[in-house]
Amino acid sequence: SSFLVKIYLYKICENPREIKGLFKYLKSNLATGAKASDRLSLKVSSKIFKKFKKLKIENFDSDSDLIKAIILKINNDIVNQKASTNRLYQLREMAMAI
């Protein structure tokens, strides 16, 4: 769901050092597989949007690459790593606040 993307996007925008870890996801099999056909629409604050654009310009070729890397990080953190119950609880609480 889009709330997870918003949470991760906010986390990355608030701590740009986090962005270095995203590049590896764009080289994964999931990132280089079939072409995406779905769209994702997010509403974020103007502050986060400005930070997002700055991070994208400085680090990625497109908005899609940055969002794709974030989604693949979520996949790795939650699906592949079998996130702890505590982490899932924290994410659920954050989602309820959004």
N, C-alpha and C. Protein backbone atom coordinates (compact mmCIF):
# COMPACT_ATOMS: atom_id res chain seq x y z
N SER A 1 0.83 -1.18 0.00
CA SER A 1 0.00 0.00 0.00
C SER A 1 0.88 1.25 0.00
N SER A 2 0.29 2.35 -0.39
CA SER A 2 1.07 3.58 -0.54
C SER A 2 1.57 4.15 0.78
N PHE A 3 0.93 3.79 1.90
CA PHE A 3 1.40 4.34 3.18
C PHE A 3 2.82 3.88 3.49
N LEU A 4 3.18 2.67 3.13
CA LEU A 4 4.55 2.21 3.36
C LEU A 4 5.54 3.00 2.51
N VAL A 5 5.16 3.28 1.28
CA VAL A 5 6.03 4.07 0.41
C VAL A 5 6.22 5.46 1.01
N LYS A 6 5.14 6.05 1.53
CA LYS A 6 5.24 7.36 2.16
C LYS A 6 6.16 7.34 3.38
N ILE A 7 6.04 6.31 4.20
CA ILE A 7 6.88 6.19 5.39
C ILE A 7 8.35 6.10 5.00
N TYR A 8 8.65 5.24 4.07
CA TYR A 8 10.04 5.08 3.62
C TYR A 8 10.54 6.34 2.92
N LEU A 9 9.70 6.95 2.12
CA LEU A 9 10.08 8.18 1.44
C LEU A 9 10.41 9.27 2.45
N TYR A 10 9.57 9.40 3.46
CA TYR A 10 9.81 10.39 4.50
C TYR A 10 11.14 10.10 5.22
N LYS A 11 11.35 8.84 5.55
CA LYS A 11 12.58 8.44 6.25
C LYS A 11 13.81 8.79 5.41
N ILE A 12 13.76 8.52 4.13
CA ILE A 12 14.90 8.79 3.24
C ILE A 12 15.09 10.30 3.05
N CYS A 13 14.00 11.02 2.92
CA CYS A 13 14.11 12.48 2.74
C CYS A 13 14.66 13.16 3.99
N GLU A 14 14.35 12.63 5.13
CA GLU A 14 14.84 13.22 6.38
C GLU A 14 16.28 12.82 6.68
N ASN A 15 16.75 11.74 6.07
CA ASN A 15 18.12 11.27 6.29
C ASN A 15 18.71 10.83 4.95
N PRO A 16 19.22 11.77 4.17
CA PRO A 16 19.72 11.45 2.82
C PRO A 16 20.81 10.38 2.77
N ARG A 17 21.49 10.12 3.88
CA ARG A 17 22.49 9.04 3.88
C ARG A 17 21.85 7.69 3.60
N GLU A 18 20.56 7.59 3.87
CA GLU A 18 19.82 6.35 3.61
C GLU A 18 19.77 6.02 2.12
N ILE A 19 19.91 7.03 1.28
CA ILE A 19 19.75 6.84 -0.16
C ILE A 19 20.84 5.95 -0.75
N LYS A 20 22.02 5.96 -0.14
CA LYS A 20 23.12 5.14 -0.66
C LYS A 20 22.76 3.66 -0.70
N GLY A 21 21.95 3.23 0.24
CA GLY A 21 21.55 1.83 0.30
C GLY A 21 20.52 1.43 -0.74
N LEU A 22 19.94 2.40 -1.43
CA LEU A 22 18.90 2.09 -2.41
C LEU A 22 19.42 1.63 -3.76
N PHE A 23 20.62 2.04 -4.09
CA PHE A 23 21.15 1.74 -5.44
C PHE A 23 21.23 0.24 -5.72
N LYS A 24 21.54 -0.55 -4.71
CA LYS A 24 21.67 -2.00 -4.94
C LYS A 24 20.35 -2.62 -5.38
N TYR A 25 19.23 -2.02 -4.98
CA TYR A 25 17.94 -2.59 -5.34
C TYR A 25 17.63 -2.41 -6.83
N LEU A 26 18.18 -1.37 -7.43
CA LEU A 26 17.93 -1.15 -8.86
C LEU A 26 18.69 -2.13 -9.74
N LYS A 27 19.61 -2.87 -9.15
CA LYS A 27 20.36 -3.87 -9.91
C LYS A 27 19.82 -5.29 -9.66
N SER A 28 18.79 -5.39 -8.84
CA SER A 28 18.24 -6.70 -8.51
C SER A 28 17.42 -7.26 -9.67
N ASN A 29 17.12 -8.56 -9.58
CA ASN A 29 16.32 -9.21 -10.61
C ASN A 29 14.93 -8.60 -10.71
N LEU A 30 14.36 -8.21 -9.58
CA LEU A 30 13.03 -7.60 -9.61
C LEU A 30 13.04 -6.27 -10.35
N ALA A 31 14.08 -5.49 -10.19
CA ALA A 31 14.15 -4.18 -10.82
C ALA A 31 14.39 -4.28 -12.32
N THR A 32 15.08 -5.31 -12.75
CA THR A 32 15.42 -5.42 -14.16
C THR A 32 14.49 -6.36 -14.92
N GLY A 33 13.45 -6.82 -14.26
CA GLY A 33 12.51 -7.75 -14.89
C GLY A 33 11.57 -7.06 -15.85
N ALA A 34 10.36 -7.55 -15.91
CA ALA A 34 9.36 -7.03 -16.84
C ALA A 34 9.08 -5.55 -16.59
N LYS A 35 8.70 -4.88 -17.65
CA LYS A 35 8.39 -3.46 -17.56
C LYS A 35 7.11 -3.27 -16.74
N ALA A 36 7.15 -2.29 -15.84
CA ALA A 36 5.99 -2.00 -14.99
C ALA A 36 4.87 -1.40 -15.83
N SER A 37 3.66 -1.78 -15.50
CA SER A 37 2.51 -1.26 -16.24
C SER A 37 1.54 -0.52 -15.33
N ASP A 38 1.77 -0.53 -14.04
CA ASP A 38 0.88 0.13 -13.10
C ASP A 38 1.45 1.47 -12.67
N ARG A 39 0.56 2.36 -12.26
CA ARG A 39 0.96 3.66 -11.76
C ARG A 39 0.73 3.72 -10.27
N LEU A 40 1.52 4.54 -9.62
CA LEU A 40 1.38 4.77 -8.19
C LEU A 40 1.24 6.27 -7.98
N SER A 41 0.20 6.67 -7.31
CA SER A 41 -0.02 8.08 -7.05
C SER A 41 0.09 8.33 -5.55
N LEU A 42 0.92 9.29 -5.17
CA LEU A 42 1.12 9.61 -3.76
C LEU A 42 0.89 11.10 -3.53
N LYS A 43 0.28 11.41 -2.42
CA LYS A 43 0.16 12.81 -2.00
C LYS A 43 1.07 12.99 -0.80
N VAL A 44 2.01 13.92 -0.94
CA VAL A 44 2.96 14.21 0.14
C VAL A 44 3.00 15.71 0.37
N SER A 45 3.53 16.10 1.51
CA SER A 45 3.64 17.52 1.82
C SER A 45 4.61 18.20 0.84
N SER A 46 4.48 19.49 0.70
CA SER A 46 5.37 20.22 -0.21
C SER A 46 6.82 20.12 0.26
N LYS A 47 7.03 20.06 1.57
CA LYS A 47 8.38 19.92 2.12
C LYS A 47 9.01 18.60 1.66
N ILE A 48 8.29 17.51 1.79
CA ILE A 48 8.80 16.20 1.37
C ILE A 48 8.96 16.17 -0.15
N PHE A 49 8.03 16.77 -0.88
CA PHE A 49 8.12 16.78 -2.34
C PHE A 49 9.39 17.50 -2.80
N LYS A 50 9.71 18.62 -2.18
CA LYS A 50 10.93 19.36 -2.54
C LYS A 50 12.18 18.53 -2.24
N LYS A 51 12.19 17.86 -1.09
CA LYS A 51 13.33 17.01 -0.74
C LYS A 51 13.43 15.82 -1.69
N PHE A 52 12.28 15.26 -2.04
CA PHE A 52 12.24 14.15 -2.99
C PHE A 52 12.85 14.56 -4.32
N LYS A 53 12.43 15.70 -4.84
CA LYS A 53 12.93 16.18 -6.13
C LYS A 53 14.44 16.42 -6.06
N LYS A 54 14.91 16.99 -4.95
CA LYS A 54 16.34 17.25 -4.80
C LYS A 54 17.12 15.94 -4.79
N LEU A 55 16.64 14.96 -4.02
CA LEU A 55 17.31 13.65 -3.97
C LEU A 55 17.31 12.98 -5.34
N LYS A 56 16.19 13.10 -6.04
CA LYS A 56 16.09 12.49 -7.36
C LYS A 56 17.08 13.13 -8.32
N ILE A 57 17.13 14.44 -8.35
CA ILE A 57 18.02 15.16 -9.27
C ILE A 57 19.48 14.81 -8.98
N GLU A 58 19.82 14.71 -7.71
CA GLU A 58 21.22 14.46 -7.33
C GLU A 58 21.63 12.99 -7.48
N ASN A 59 20.66 12.07 -7.47
CA ASN A 59 21.03 10.65 -7.38
C ASN A 59 20.42 9.71 -8.41
N PHE A 60 19.28 10.03 -8.99
CA PHE A 60 18.57 9.09 -9.85
C PHE A 60 18.25 9.71 -11.19
N ASP A 61 18.05 8.85 -12.18
CA ASP A 61 17.71 9.32 -13.52
C ASP A 61 16.25 9.75 -13.63
N SER A 62 15.39 9.15 -12.80
CA SER A 62 13.97 9.47 -12.91
C SER A 62 13.27 9.30 -11.56
N ASP A 63 12.08 9.88 -11.46
CA ASP A 63 11.24 9.68 -10.28
C ASP A 63 10.95 8.19 -10.11
N SER A 64 10.70 7.54 -11.24
CA SER A 64 10.36 6.11 -11.21
C SER A 64 11.48 5.27 -10.60
N ASP A 65 12.72 5.59 -10.92
CA ASP A 65 13.84 4.82 -10.36
C ASP A 65 13.91 4.97 -8.84
N LEU A 66 13.69 6.18 -8.35
CA LEU A 66 13.72 6.39 -6.90
C LEU A 66 12.58 5.66 -6.22
N ILE A 67 11.38 5.77 -6.76
CA ILE A 67 10.22 5.08 -6.17
C ILE A 67 10.40 3.57 -6.28
N LYS A 68 10.90 3.09 -7.41
CA LYS A 68 11.13 1.66 -7.59
C LYS A 68 12.12 1.14 -6.54
N ALA A 69 13.19 1.89 -6.30
CA ALA A 69 14.18 1.49 -5.30
C ALA A 69 13.56 1.45 -3.91
N ILE A 70 12.70 2.41 -3.60
CA ILE A 70 12.03 2.43 -2.30
C ILE A 70 11.12 1.21 -2.16
N ILE A 71 10.37 0.92 -3.19
CA ILE A 71 9.47 -0.25 -3.15
C ILE A 71 10.27 -1.54 -2.99
N LEU A 72 11.38 -1.66 -3.67
CA LEU A 72 12.21 -2.86 -3.55
C LEU A 72 12.85 -2.95 -2.17
N LYS A 73 13.15 -1.82 -1.55
CA LYS A 73 13.67 -1.83 -0.17
C LYS A 73 12.58 -2.31 0.78
N ILE A 74 11.37 -1.84 0.57
CA ILE A 74 10.24 -2.30 1.40
C ILE A 74 10.09 -3.81 1.24
N ASN A 75 10.14 -4.28 0.01
CA ASN A 75 10.05 -5.72 -0.25
C ASN A 75 11.13 -6.48 0.52
N ASN A 76 12.34 -5.97 0.47
CA ASN A 76 13.44 -6.63 1.17
C ASN A 76 13.25 -6.58 2.68
N ASP A 77 12.89 -5.42 3.20
CA ASP A 77 12.75 -5.25 4.65
C ASP A 77 11.61 -6.06 5.24
N ILE A 78 10.51 -6.13 4.53
CA ILE A 78 9.31 -6.74 5.11
C ILE A 78 9.05 -8.16 4.61
N VAL A 79 9.13 -8.36 3.32
CA VAL A 79 8.80 -9.66 2.76
C VAL A 79 9.97 -10.63 2.88
N ASN A 80 11.12 -10.24 2.34
CA ASN A 80 12.27 -11.15 2.32
C ASN A 80 12.87 -11.38 3.70
N GLN A 81 12.90 -10.37 4.53
CA GLN A 81 13.52 -10.49 5.84
C GLN A 81 12.53 -10.96 6.91
N LYS A 82 11.29 -11.14 6.52
CA LYS A 82 10.26 -11.56 7.48
C LYS A 82 10.32 -10.64 8.70
N ALA A 83 9.95 -9.40 8.48
CA ALA A 83 10.04 -8.35 9.49
C ALA A 83 9.49 -8.82 10.83
N SER A 84 10.13 -8.34 11.87
CA SER A 84 9.73 -8.71 13.22
C SER A 84 8.33 -8.17 13.50
N THR A 85 7.65 -8.80 14.42
CA THR A 85 6.32 -8.36 14.81
C THR A 85 6.35 -6.92 15.31
N ASN A 86 7.40 -6.57 16.05
CA ASN A 86 7.54 -5.21 16.56
C ASN A 86 7.65 -4.21 15.42
N ARG A 87 8.44 -4.52 14.40
CA ARG A 87 8.60 -3.62 13.26
C ARG A 87 7.28 -3.46 12.51
N LEU A 88 6.56 -4.53 12.31
CA LEU A 88 5.27 -4.45 11.63
C LEU A 88 4.28 -3.64 12.45
N TYR A 89 4.33 -3.77 13.77
CA TYR A 89 3.47 -2.99 14.65
C TYR A 89 3.79 -1.50 14.51
N GLN A 90 5.09 -1.17 14.49
CA GLN A 90 5.51 0.23 14.34
C GLN A 90 5.01 0.80 13.02
N LEU A 91 5.15 0.04 11.95
CA LEU A 91 4.69 0.50 10.64
C LEU A 91 3.18 0.70 10.63
N ARG A 92 2.45 -0.20 11.25
CA ARG A 92 1.00 -0.08 11.32
C ARG A 92 0.60 1.17 12.09
N GLU A 93 1.30 1.43 13.21
CA GLU A 93 1.01 2.63 14.00
C GLU A 93 1.28 3.90 13.18
N MET A 94 2.39 3.91 12.45
CA MET A 94 2.72 5.08 11.62
C MET A 94 1.67 5.26 10.53
N ALA A 95 1.23 4.16 9.96
CA ALA A 95 0.24 4.23 8.89
C ALA A 95 -1.07 4.80 9.40
N MET A 96 -1.41 4.48 10.61
CA MET A 96 -2.65 4.98 11.19
C MET A 96 -2.58 6.49 11.41
N ALA A 97 -1.37 6.99 11.60
CA ALA A 97 -1.18 8.42 11.82
C ALA A 97 -1.23 9.21 10.52
N ILE A 98 -1.04 8.55 9.41
CA ILE A 98 -1.01 9.24 8.11
C ILE A 98 -2.42 9.50 7.61
